[in-house]
PDB file of N, CA and C in Angstrom:
ATOM      1  N   MET A   1       0.850  -1.155   0.000  1.00  0.00           N
ATOM      2  CA  MET A   1       0.000   0.000   0.000  1.00  0.00           C
ATOM      3  C   MET A   1       0.908   1.234   0.000  1.00  0.00           C
ATOM      4  N   ASP A   2       0.686   2.100  -0.966  1.00  0.00           N
ATOM      5  CA  ASP A   2       1.516   3.306  -1.018  1.00  0.00           C
ATOM      6  C   ASP A   2       0.903   4.413  -0.158  1.00  0.00           C
ATOM      7  N   SER A   3       1.587   5.531  -0.093  1.00  0.00           N
ATOM      8  CA  SER A   3       1.169   6.594   0.840  1.00  0.00           C
ATOM      9  C   SER A   3      -0.171   7.222   0.466  1.00  0.00           C
ATOM     10  N   SER A   4      -0.484   7.318  -0.815  1.00  0.00           N
ATOM     11  CA  SER A   4      -1.768   7.917  -1.184  1.00  0.00           C
ATOM     12  C   SER A   4      -2.935   7.033  -0.752  1.00  0.00           C
ATOM     13  N   GLU A   5      -2.757   5.709  -0.770  1.00  0.00           N
ATOM     14  CA  GLU A   5      -3.816   4.826  -0.306  1.00  0.00           C
ATOM     15  C   GLU A   5      -4.015   4.952   1.199  1.00  0.00           C
ATOM     16  N   TRP A   6      -2.923   5.140   1.948  1.00  0.00           N
ATOM     17  CA  TRP A   6      -3.042   5.333   3.387  1.00  0.00           C
ATOM     18  C   TRP A   6      -3.765   6.634   3.703  1.00  0.00           C
ATOM     19  N   VAL A   7      -3.502   7.667   2.926  1.00  0.00           N
ATOM     20  CA  VAL A   7      -4.173   8.958   3.139  1.00  0.00           C
ATOM     21  C   VAL A   7      -5.679   8.797   2.923  1.00  0.00           C
ATOM     22  N   ILE A   8      -6.058   8.093   1.884  1.00  0.00           N
ATOM     23  CA  ILE A   8      -7.479   7.855   1.616  1.00  0.00           C
ATOM     24  C   ILE A   8      -8.100   7.035   2.743  1.00  0.00           C
ATOM     25  N   PHE A   9      -7.404   6.005   3.195  1.00  0.00           N
ATOM     26  CA  PHE A   9      -7.880   5.145   4.276  1.00  0.00           C
ATOM     27  C   PHE A   9      -8.103   5.949   5.553  1.00  0.00           C
ATOM     28  N   VAL A  10      -7.157   6.782   5.919  1.00  0.00           N
ATOM     29  CA  VAL A  10      -7.268   7.595   7.129  1.00  0.00           C
ATOM     30  C   VAL A  10      -8.363   8.644   6.976  1.00  0.00           C
ATOM     31  N   ALA A  11      -8.475   9.246   5.798  1.00  0.00           N
ATOM     32  CA  ALA A  11      -9.518  10.256   5.573  1.00  0.00           C
ATOM     33  C   ALA A  11     -10.910   9.643   5.694  1.00  0.00           C
ATOM     34  N   ILE A  12     -11.098   8.469   5.121  1.00  0.00           N
ATOM     35  CA  ILE A  12     -12.395   7.793   5.243  1.00  0.00           C
ATOM     36  C   ILE A  12     -12.683   7.469   6.694  1.00  0.00           C
ATOM     37  N   ALA A  13     -11.676   7.005   7.416  1.00  0.00           N
ATOM     38  CA  ALA A  13     -11.878   6.668   8.831  1.00  0.00           C
ATOM     39  C   ALA A  13     -12.231   7.902   9.643  1.00  0.00           C
ATOM     40  N   LEU A  14     -11.529   9.002   9.421  1.00  0.00           N
ATOM     41  CA  LEU A  14     -11.759  10.204  10.227  1.00  0.00           C
ATOM     42  C   LEU A  14     -13.083  10.895   9.918  1.00  0.00           C
ATOM     43  N   PHE A  15     -13.438  10.941   8.650  1.00  0.00           N
ATOM     44  CA  PHE A  15     -14.609  11.738   8.267  1.00  0.00           C
ATOM     45  C   PHE A  15     -15.898  10.944   8.134  1.00  0.00           C
ATOM     46  N   PHE A  16     -15.805   9.621   8.002  1.00  0.00           N
ATOM     47  CA  PHE A  16     -17.027   8.845   7.872  1.00  0.00           C
ATOM     48  C   PHE A  16     -17.165   7.794   8.966  1.00  0.00           C
ATOM     49  N   TYR A  17     -16.197   6.908   9.070  1.00  0.00           N
ATOM     50  CA  TYR A  17     -16.362   5.738   9.917  1.00  0.00           C
ATOM     51  C   TYR A  17     -16.432   6.086  11.409  1.00  0.00           C
ATOM     52  N   ILE A  18     -15.519   6.882  11.898  1.00  0.00           N
ATOM     53  CA  ILE A  18     -15.497   7.186  13.334  1.00  0.00           C
ATOM     54  C   ILE A  18     -16.751   7.946  13.771  1.00  0.00           C
ATOM     55  N   PRO A  19     -17.169   9.014  13.072  1.00  0.00           N
ATOM     56  CA  PRO A  19     -18.431   9.660  13.488  1.00  0.00           C
ATOM     57  C   PRO A  19     -19.649   8.755  13.343  1.00  0.00           C
ATOM     58  N   ALA A  20     -19.706   7.953  12.285  1.00  0.00           N
ATOM     59  CA  ALA A  20     -20.846   7.061  12.094  1.00  0.00           C
ATOM     60  C   ALA A  20     -20.853   5.938  13.116  1.00  0.00           C
ATOM     61  N   HIS A  21     -19.702   5.638  13.667  1.00  0.00           N
ATOM     62  CA  HIS A  21     -19.594   4.553  14.618  1.00  0.00           C
ATOM     63  C   HIS A  21     -19.856   5.017  16.057  1.00  0.00           C
ATOM     64  N   ILE A  22     -19.505   6.235  16.380  1.00  0.00           N
ATOM     65  CA  ILE A  22     -19.617   6.711  17.759  1.00  0.00           C
ATOM     66  C   ILE A  22     -20.892   7.519  18.001  1.00  0.00           C
ATOM     67  N   LEU A  23     -21.250   8.426  17.121  1.00  0.00           N
ATOM     68  CA  LEU A  23     -22.350   9.349  17.396  1.00  0.00           C
ATOM     69  C   LEU A  23     -23.726   8.700  17.588  1.00  0.00           C
ATOM     70  N   PRO A  24     -24.171   7.779  16.732  1.00  0.00           N
ATOM     71  CA  PRO A  24     -25.507   7.207  16.971  1.00  0.00           C
ATOM     72  C   PRO A  24     -25.653   6.470  18.302  1.00  0.00           C
ATOM     73  N   PRO A  25     -24.696   5.604  18.692  1.00  0.00           N
ATOM     74  CA  PRO A  25     -24.871   4.973  20.010  1.00  0.00           C
ATOM     75  C   PRO A  25     -24.855   5.969  21.173  1.00  0.00           C
ATOM     76  N   VAL A  26     -24.042   7.005  21.063  1.00  0.00           N
ATOM     77  CA  VAL A  26     -24.001   8.013  22.129  1.00  0.00           C
ATOM     78  C   VAL A  26     -25.326   8.770  22.187  1.00  0.00           C
ATOM     79  N   LEU A  27     -25.841   9.160  21.047  1.00  0.00           N
ATOM     80  CA  LEU A  27     -27.123   9.871  21.034  1.00  0.00           C
ATOM     81  C   LEU A  27     -28.260   8.992  21.558  1.00  0.00           C
ATOM     82  N   LEU A  28     -28.270   7.723  21.177  1.00  0.00           N
ATOM     83  CA  LEU A  28     -29.305   6.824  21.681  1.00  0.00           C
ATOM     84  C   LEU A  28     -29.174   6.605  23.184  1.00  0.00           C
ATOM     85  N   THR A  29     -27.961   6.543  23.677  1.00  0.00           N
ATOM     86  CA  THR A  29     -27.751   6.406  25.112  1.00  0.00           C
ATOM     87  C   THR A  29     -28.285   7.627  25.852  1.00  0.00           C
ATOM     88  N   ILE A  30     -28.020   8.787  25.312  1.00  0.00           N
ATOM     89  CA  ILE A  30     -28.525  10.014  25.944  1.00  0.00           C
ATOM     90  C   ILE A  30     -30.050  10.050  25.906  1.00  0.00           C
ATOM     91  N   LEU A  31     -30.634   9.640  24.783  1.00  0.00           N
ATOM     92  CA  LEU A  31     -32.093   9.672  24.660  1.00  0.00           C
ATOM     93  C   LEU A  31     -32.788   8.654  25.551  1.00  0.00           C
ATOM     94  N   TYR A  32     -32.248   7.436  25.641  1.00  0.00           N
ATOM     95  CA  TYR A  32     -32.921   6.370  26.369  1.00  0.00           C
ATOM     96  C   TYR A  32     -32.585   6.327  27.850  1.00  0.00           C
ATOM     97  N   SER A  33     -31.517   6.951  28.247  1.00  0.00           N
ATOM     98  CA  SER A  33     -31.119   6.898  29.648  1.00  0.00           C
ATOM     99  C   SER A  33     -32.008   7.806  30.482  1.00  0.00           C
ATOM    100  N   GLN A  34     -32.531   7.244  31.548  1.00  0.00           N
ATOM    101  CA  GLN A  34     -33.345   8.021  32.468  1.00  0.00           C
ATOM    102  C   GLN A  34     -32.624   8.210  33.797  1.00  0.00           C
ATOM    103  N   ALA A  35     -31.328   7.985  33.782  1.00  0.00           N
ATOM    104  CA  ALA A  35     -30.520   8.114  34.992  1.00  0.00           C
ATOM    105  C   ALA A  35     -30.206   9.579  35.255  1.00  0.00           C
ATOM    106  N   GLU A  36     -29.648   9.804  36.414  1.00  0.00           N
ATOM    107  CA  GLU A  36     -29.216  11.153  36.763  1.00  0.00           C
ATOM    108  C   GLU A  36     -28.032  11.560  35.901  1.00  0.00           C
ATOM    109  N   LYS A  37     -27.667  12.815  35.969  1.00  0.00           N
ATOM    110  CA  LYS A  37     -26.642  13.370  35.086  1.00  0.00           C
ATOM    111  C   LYS A  37     -25.301  12.651  35.225  1.00  0.00           C
ATOM    112  N   ASP A  38     -24.867  12.377  36.436  1.00  0.00           N
ATOM    113  CA  ASP A  38     -23.573  11.713  36.637  1.00  0.00           C
ATOM    114  C   ASP A  38     -23.591  10.281  36.113  1.00  0.00           C
ATOM    115  N   GLU A  39     -24.680   9.572  36.370  1.00  0.00           N
ATOM    116  CA  GLU A  39     -24.793   8.191  35.882  1.00  0.00           C
ATOM    117  C   GLU A  39     -24.888   8.163  34.358  1.00  0.00           C
ATOM    118  N   ARG A  40     -25.609   9.114  33.786  1.00  0.00           N
ATOM    119  CA  ARG A  40     -25.709   9.192  32.331  1.00  0.00           C
ATOM    120  C   ARG A  40     -24.343   9.458  31.712  1.00  0.00           C
ATOM    121  N   ARG A  41     -23.554  10.302  32.349  1.00  0.00           N
ATOM    122  CA  ARG A  41     -22.206  10.589  31.854  1.00  0.00           C
ATOM    123  C   ARG A  41     -21.359   9.309  31.861  1.00  0.00           C
ATOM    124  N   LYS A  42     -21.479   8.493  32.908  1.00  0.00           N
ATOM    125  CA  LYS A  42     -20.752   7.217  32.969  1.00  0.00           C
ATOM    126  C   LYS A  42     -21.209   6.276  31.850  1.00  0.00           C
ATOM    127  N   GLN A  43     -22.501   6.254  31.578  1.00  0.00           N
ATOM    128  CA  GLN A  43     -23.019   5.406  30.508  1.00  0.00           C
ATOM    129  C   GLN A  43     -22.493   5.856  29.150  1.00  0.00           C
ATOM    130  N   VAL A  44     -22.462   7.153  28.919  1.00  0.00           N
ATOM    131  CA  VAL A  44     -21.961   7.682  27.648  1.00  0.00           C
ATOM    132  C   VAL A  44     -20.473   7.367  27.491  1.00  0.00           C
ATOM    133  N   VAL A  45     -19.716   7.526  28.554  1.00  0.00           N
ATOM    134  CA  VAL A  45     -18.284   7.214  28.486  1.00  0.00           C
ATOM    135  C   VAL A  45     -18.072   5.731  28.187  1.00  0.00           C
ATOM    136  N   SER A  46     -18.857   4.863  28.792  1.00  0.00           N
ATOM    137  CA  SER A  46     -18.696   3.435  28.528  1.00  0.00           C
ATOM    138  C   SER A  46     -19.064   3.086  27.092  1.00  0.00           C
ATOM    139  N   VAL A  47     -20.058   3.756  26.533  1.00  0.00           N
ATOM    140  CA  VAL A  47     -20.403   3.534  25.129  1.00  0.00           C
ATOM    141  C   VAL A  47     -19.270   4.023  24.217  1.00  0.00           C
ATOM    142  N   ILE A  48     -18.693   5.154  24.533  1.00  0.00           N
ATOM    143  CA  ILE A  48     -17.580   5.670  23.733  1.00  0.00           C
ATOM    144  C   ILE A  48     -16.384   4.722  23.805  1.00  0.00           C
ATOM    145  N   VAL A  49     -16.102   4.189  24.984  1.00  0.00           N
ATOM    146  CA  VAL A  49     -14.995   3.234  25.125  1.00  0.00           C
ATOM    147  C   VAL A  49     -15.270   1.973  24.308  1.00  0.00           C
ATOM    148  N   ASP A  50     -16.508   1.470  24.355  1.00  0.00           N
ATOM    149  CA  ASP A  50     -16.868   0.315  23.528  1.00  0.00           C
ATOM    150  C   ASP A  50     -16.639   0.601  22.050  1.00  0.00           C
ATOM    151  N   CYS A  51     -17.075   1.768  21.621  1.00  0.00           N
ATOM    152  CA  CYS A  51     -16.916   2.146  20.213  1.00  0.00           C
ATOM    153  C   CYS A  51     -15.441   2.245  19.826  1.00  0.00           C
ATOM    154  N   LEU A  52     -14.651   2.873  20.670  1.00  0.00           N
ATOM    155  CA  LEU A  52     -13.228   3.018  20.359  1.00  0.00           C
ATOM    156  C   LEU A  52     -12.512   1.673  20.341  1.00  0.00           C
ATOM    157  N   MET A  53     -12.896   0.762  21.239  1.00  0.00           N
ATOM    158  CA  MET A  53     -12.285  -0.569  21.221  1.00  0.00           C
ATOM    159  C   MET A  53     -12.614  -1.303  19.932  1.00  0.00           C
ATOM    160  N   THR A  54     -13.861  -1.221  19.489  1.00  0.00           N
ATOM    161  CA  THR A  54     -14.203  -1.899  18.241  1.00  0.00           C
ATOM    162  C   THR A  54     -13.535  -1.232  17.047  1.00  0.00           C
ATOM    163  N   ILE A  55     -13.323   0.080  17.101  1.00  0.00           N
ATOM    164  CA  ILE A  55     -12.610   0.760  16.012  1.00  0.00           C
ATOM    165  C   ILE A  55     -11.170   0.275  15.936  1.00  0.00           C
ATOM    166  N   VAL A  56     -10.501   0.155  17.071  1.00  0.00           N
ATOM    167  CA  VAL A  56      -9.106  -0.300  17.075  1.00  0.00           C
ATOM    168  C   VAL A  56      -9.010  -1.736  16.563  1.00  0.00           C
ATOM    169  N   ILE A  57      -9.877  -2.610  17.055  1.00  0.00           N
ATOM    170  CA  ILE A  57      -9.858  -4.003  16.607  1.00  0.00           C
ATOM    171  C   ILE A  57     -10.172  -4.101  15.128  1.00  0.00           C
ATOM    172  N   THR A  58     -11.169  -3.363  14.680  1.00  0.00           N
ATOM    173  CA  THR A  58     -11.544  -3.398  13.271  1.00  0.00           C
ATOM    174  C   THR A  58     -10.441  -2.843  12.387  1.00  0.00           C
ATOM    175  N   SER A  59      -9.768  -1.809  12.826  1.00  0.00           N
ATOM    176  CA  SER A  59      -8.672  -1.255  12.025  1.00  0.00           C
ATOM    177  C   SER A  59      -7.544  -2.264  11.873  1.00  0.00           C
ATOM    178  N   ALA A  60      -7.253  -3.010  12.934  1.00  0.00           N
ATOM    179  CA  ALA A  60      -6.224  -4.042  12.837  1.00  0.00           C
ATOM    180  C   ALA A  60      -6.643  -5.145  11.882  1.00  0.00           C
ATOM    181  N   VAL A  61      -7.893  -5.566  11.962  1.00  0.00           N
ATOM    182  CA  VAL A  61      -8.390  -6.600  11.046  1.00  0.00           C
ATOM    183  C   VAL A  61      -8.398  -6.088   9.610  1.00  0.00           C
ATOM    184  N   ALA A  62      -8.793  -4.837   9.416  1.00  0.00           N
ATOM    185  CA  ALA A  62      -8.828  -4.266   8.063  1.00  0.00           C
ATOM    186  C   ALA A  62      -7.423  -4.094   7.498  1.00  0.00           C
ATOM    187  N   ALA A  63      -6.461  -3.724   8.337  1.00  0.00           N
ATOM    188  CA  ALA A  63      -5.078  -3.618   7.856  1.00  0.00           C
ATOM    189  C   ALA A  63      -4.558  -4.980   7.432  1.00  0.00           C
ATOM    190  N   TRP A  64      -4.883  -6.009   8.213  1.00  0.00           N
ATOM    191  CA  TRP A  64      -4.493  -7.363   7.822  1.00  0.00           C
ATOM    192  C   TRP A  64      -5.187  -7.776   6.528  1.00  0.00           C
ATOM    193  N   ALA A  65      -6.477  -7.468   6.411  1.00  0.00           N
ATOM    194  CA  ALA A  65      -7.227  -7.834   5.206  1.00  0.00           C
ATOM    195  C   ALA A  65      -6.693  -7.092   3.988  1.00  0.00           C
ATOM    196  N   TRP A  66      -6.239  -5.851   4.185  1.00  0.00           N
ATOM    197  CA  TRP A  66      -5.706  -5.076   3.073  1.00  0.00           C
ATOM    198  C   TRP A  66      -4.461  -5.743   2.513  1.00  0.00           C
ATOM    199  N   VAL A  67      -3.629  -6.260   3.396  1.00  0.00           N
ATOM    200  CA  VAL A  67      -2.402  -6.936   2.961  1.00  0.00           C
ATOM    201  C   VAL A  67      -2.726  -8.273   2.313  1.00  0.00           C
ATOM    202  N   GLU A  68      -3.645  -9.025   2.909  1.00  0.00           N
ATOM    203  CA  GLU A  68      -3.965 -10.361   2.403  1.00  0.00           C
ATOM    204  C   GLU A  68      -4.824 -10.307   1.142  1.00  0.00           C
ATOM    205  N   THR A  69      -5.942  -9.640   1.240  1.00  0.00           N
ATOM    206  CA  THR A  69      -6.864  -9.557   0.102  1.00  0.00           C
ATOM    207  C   THR A  69      -7.721  -8.307   0.262  1.00  0.00           C
ATOM    208  N   GLU A  70      -7.963  -7.623  -0.803  1.00  0.00           N
ATOM    209  CA  GLU A  70      -8.788  -6.417  -0.740  1.00  0.00           C
ATOM    210  C   GLU A  70     -10.273  -6.727  -0.915  1.00  0.00           C
ATOM    211  N   GLU A  71     -10.609  -7.987  -1.145  1.00  0.00           N
ATOM    212  CA  GLU A  71     -12.001  -8.341  -1.404  1.00  0.00           C
ATOM    213  C   GLU A  71     -12.891  -8.218  -0.171  1.00  0.00           C
ATOM    214  N   ILE A  72     -12.345  -8.509   1.001  1.00  0.00           N
ATOM    215  CA  ILE A  72     -13.165  -8.493   2.221  1.00  0.00           C
ATOM    216  C   ILE A  72     -12.904  -7.267   3.080  1.00  0.00           C
ATOM    217  N   LEU A  73     -12.337  -6.243   2.520  1.00  0.00           N
ATOM    218  CA  LEU A  73     -11.879  -5.106   3.307  1.00  0.00           C
ATOM    219  C   LEU A  73     -13.009  -4.385   4.042  1.00  0.00           C
ATOM    220  N   MET A  74     -14.157  -4.203   3.443  1.00  0.00           N
ATOM    221  CA  MET A  74     -15.233  -3.433   4.077  1.00  0.00           C
ATOM    222  C   MET A  74     -16.069  -4.250   5.061  1.00  0.00           C
ATOM    223  N   TRP A  75     -16.030  -5.571   4.988  1.00  0.00           N
ATOM    224  CA  TRP A  75     -16.843  -6.386   5.885  1.00  0.00           C
ATOM    225  C   TRP A  75     -16.505  -6.181   7.356  1.00  0.00           C
ATOM    226  N   PRO A  76     -15.229  -6.123   7.744  1.00  0.00           N
ATOM    227  CA  PRO A  76     -14.971  -5.862   9.170  1.00  0.00           C
ATOM    228  C   PRO A  76     -15.537  -4.528   9.635  1.00  0.00           C
ATOM    229  N   PHE A  77     -15.460  -3.514   8.791  1.00  0.00           N
ATOM    230  CA  PHE A  77     -15.991  -2.205   9.173  1.00  0.00           C
ATOM    231  C   PHE A  77     -17.512  -2.234   9.303  1.00  0.00           C
ATOM    232  N   MET A  78     -18.166  -2.918   8.401  1.00  0.00           N
ATOM    233  CA  MET A  78     -19.629  -2.992   8.465  1.00  0.00           C
ATOM    234  C   MET A  78     -20.090  -3.802   9.674  1.00  0.00           C
ATOM    235  N   LEU A  79     -19.423  -4.904   9.952  1.00  0.00           N
ATOM    236  CA  LEU A  79     -19.808  -5.733  11.097  1.00  0.00           C
ATOM    237  C   LEU A  79     -19.511  -5.052  12.426  1.00  0.00           C
ATOM    238  N   ALA A  80     -18.496  -4.216  12.466  1.00  0.00           N
ATOM    239  CA  ALA A  80     -18.123  -3.549  13.713  1.00  0.00           C
ATOM    240  C   ALA A  80     -19.067  -2.406  14.078  1.00  0.00           C
ATOM    241  N   LEU A  81     -19.957  -2.032  13.199  1.00  0.00           N
ATOM    242  CA  LEU A  81     -20.923  -0.983  13.539  1.00  0.00           C
ATOM    243  C   LEU A  81     -21.982  -1.471  14.523  1.00  0.00           C
ATOM    244  N   PHE A  82     -22.179  -2.785  14.616  1.00  0.00           N
ATOM    245  CA  PHE A  82     -23.274  -3.309  15.429  1.00  0.00           C
ATOM    246  C   PHE A  82     -22.976  -3.522  16.913  1.00  0.00           C
ATOM    247  N   PRO A  83     -21.776  -3.950  17.344  1.00  0.00           N
ATOM    248  CA  PRO A  83     -21.573  -4.211  18.783  1.00  0.00           C
ATOM    249  C   PRO A  83     -21.860  -3.051  19.732  1.00  0.00           C
ATOM    250  N   PRO A  84     -21.560  -1.796  19.404  1.00  0.00           N
ATOM    251  CA  PRO A  84     -21.906  -0.733  20.363  1.00  0.00           C
ATOM    252  C   PRO A  84     -23.402  -0.605  20.627  1.00  0.00           C
ATOM    253  N   TYR A  85     -24.223  -1.053  19.687  1.00  0.00           N
ATOM    254  CA  TYR A  85     -25.661  -0.966  19.892  1.00  0.00           C
ATOM    255  C   TYR A  85     -26.168  -1.995  20.897  1.00  0.00           C
ATOM    256  N   ILE A  86     -25.353  -3.005  21.200  1.00  0.00           N
ATOM    257  CA  ILE A  86     -25.759  -3.994  22.196  1.00  0.00           C
ATOM    258  C   ILE A  86     -25.920  -3.321  23.551  1.00  0.00           C
ATOM    259  N   ARG A  87     -24.963  -2.463  23.917  1.00  0.00           N
ATOM    260  CA  ARG A  87     -25.064  -1.746  25.194  1.00  0.00           C
ATOM    261  C   ARG A  87     -26.283  -0.823  25.197  1.00  0.00           C
ATOM    262  N   VAL A  88     -26.566  -0.167  24.077  1.00  0.00           N
ATOM    263  CA  VAL A  88     -27.738   0.721  24.000  1.00  0.00           C
ATOM    264  C   VAL A  88     -29.017  -0.102  24.123  1.00  0.00           C
ATOM    265  N   TRP A  89     -29.059  -1.267  23.473  1.00  0.00           N
ATOM    266  CA  TRP A  89     -30.230  -2.131  23.546  1.00  0.00           C
ATOM    267  C   TRP A  89     -30.454  -2.609  24.976  1.00  0.00           C
ATOM    268  N   LYS A  90     -29.365  -3.013  25.661  1.00  0.00           N
ATOM    269  CA  LYS A  90     -29.488  -3.441  27.054  1.00  0.00           C
ATOM    270  C   LYS A  90     -29.970  -2.294  27.937  1.00  0.00           C
ATOM    271  N   LEU A  91     -29.449  -1.100  27.702  1.00  0.00           N
ATOM    272  CA  LEU A  91     -29.859   0.066  28.476  1.00  0.00           C
ATOM    273  C   LEU A  91     -31.346   0.353  28.262  1.00  0.00           C
ATOM    274  N   LYS A  92     -31.804   0.287  27.021  1.00  0.00           N
ATOM    275  CA  LYS A  92     -33.209   0.548  26.732  1.00  0.00           C
ATOM    276  C   LYS A  92     -34.096  -0.512  27.380  1.00  0.00           C
ATOM    277  N   ARG A  93     -33.643  -1.759  27.326  1.00  0.00           N
ATOM    278  CA  ARG A  93     -34.421  -2.845  27.926  1.00  0.00           C
ATOM    279  C   ARG A  93     -34.512  -2.694  29.439  1.00  0.00           C
ATOM    280  N   LEU A  94     -33.425  -2.248  30.063  1.00  0.00           N
ATOM    281  CA  LEU A  94     -33.440  -2.077  31.510  1.00  0.00           C
ATOM    282  C   LEU A  94     -34.313  -0.900  31.947  1.00  0.00           C
ATOM    283  N   THR A  95     -34.305   0.174  31.164  1.00  0.00           N
ATOM    284  CA  THR A  95     -35.089   1.351  31.555  1.00  0.00           C
ATOM    285  C   THR A  95     -36.554   1.227  31.149  1.00  0.00           C
ATOM    286  N   ALA A  96     -36.880   0.310  30.228  1.00  0.00           N
ATOM    287  CA  ALA A  96     -38.266   0.155  29.793  1.00  0.00           C
ATOM    288  C   ALA A  96     -39.112  -0.530  30.851  1.00  0.00           C
ATOM    289  N   GLY A  97     -38.481  -1.368  31.674  1.00  0.00           N
ATOM    290  CA  GLY A  97     -39.249  -2.149  32.660  1.00  0.00           C
ATOM    291  C   GLY A  97     -39.433  -1.457  33.924  1.00  0.00           C
TER     292      GLY A  97
END
């Protein structure tokens, strides 16, 4: 991979993937949480940490996939969008009852 491909990869990650991966779960956590302000802040931080962990893992898998084969490059990114919503789903289920 030459330097121009890395620039494109980083630009896509910074301007599309990271905001699309972090903002919706954080907004849903804020909307569905009925906790006090301090507890809500802890919930938002935990969602952000979950999102960042999946971004790091996905980036490592995508870098490996880029070297091995470019055919499956987007699948790790698409699949990694879903795990942060598990925490939001659990939060909604707990506050609904």
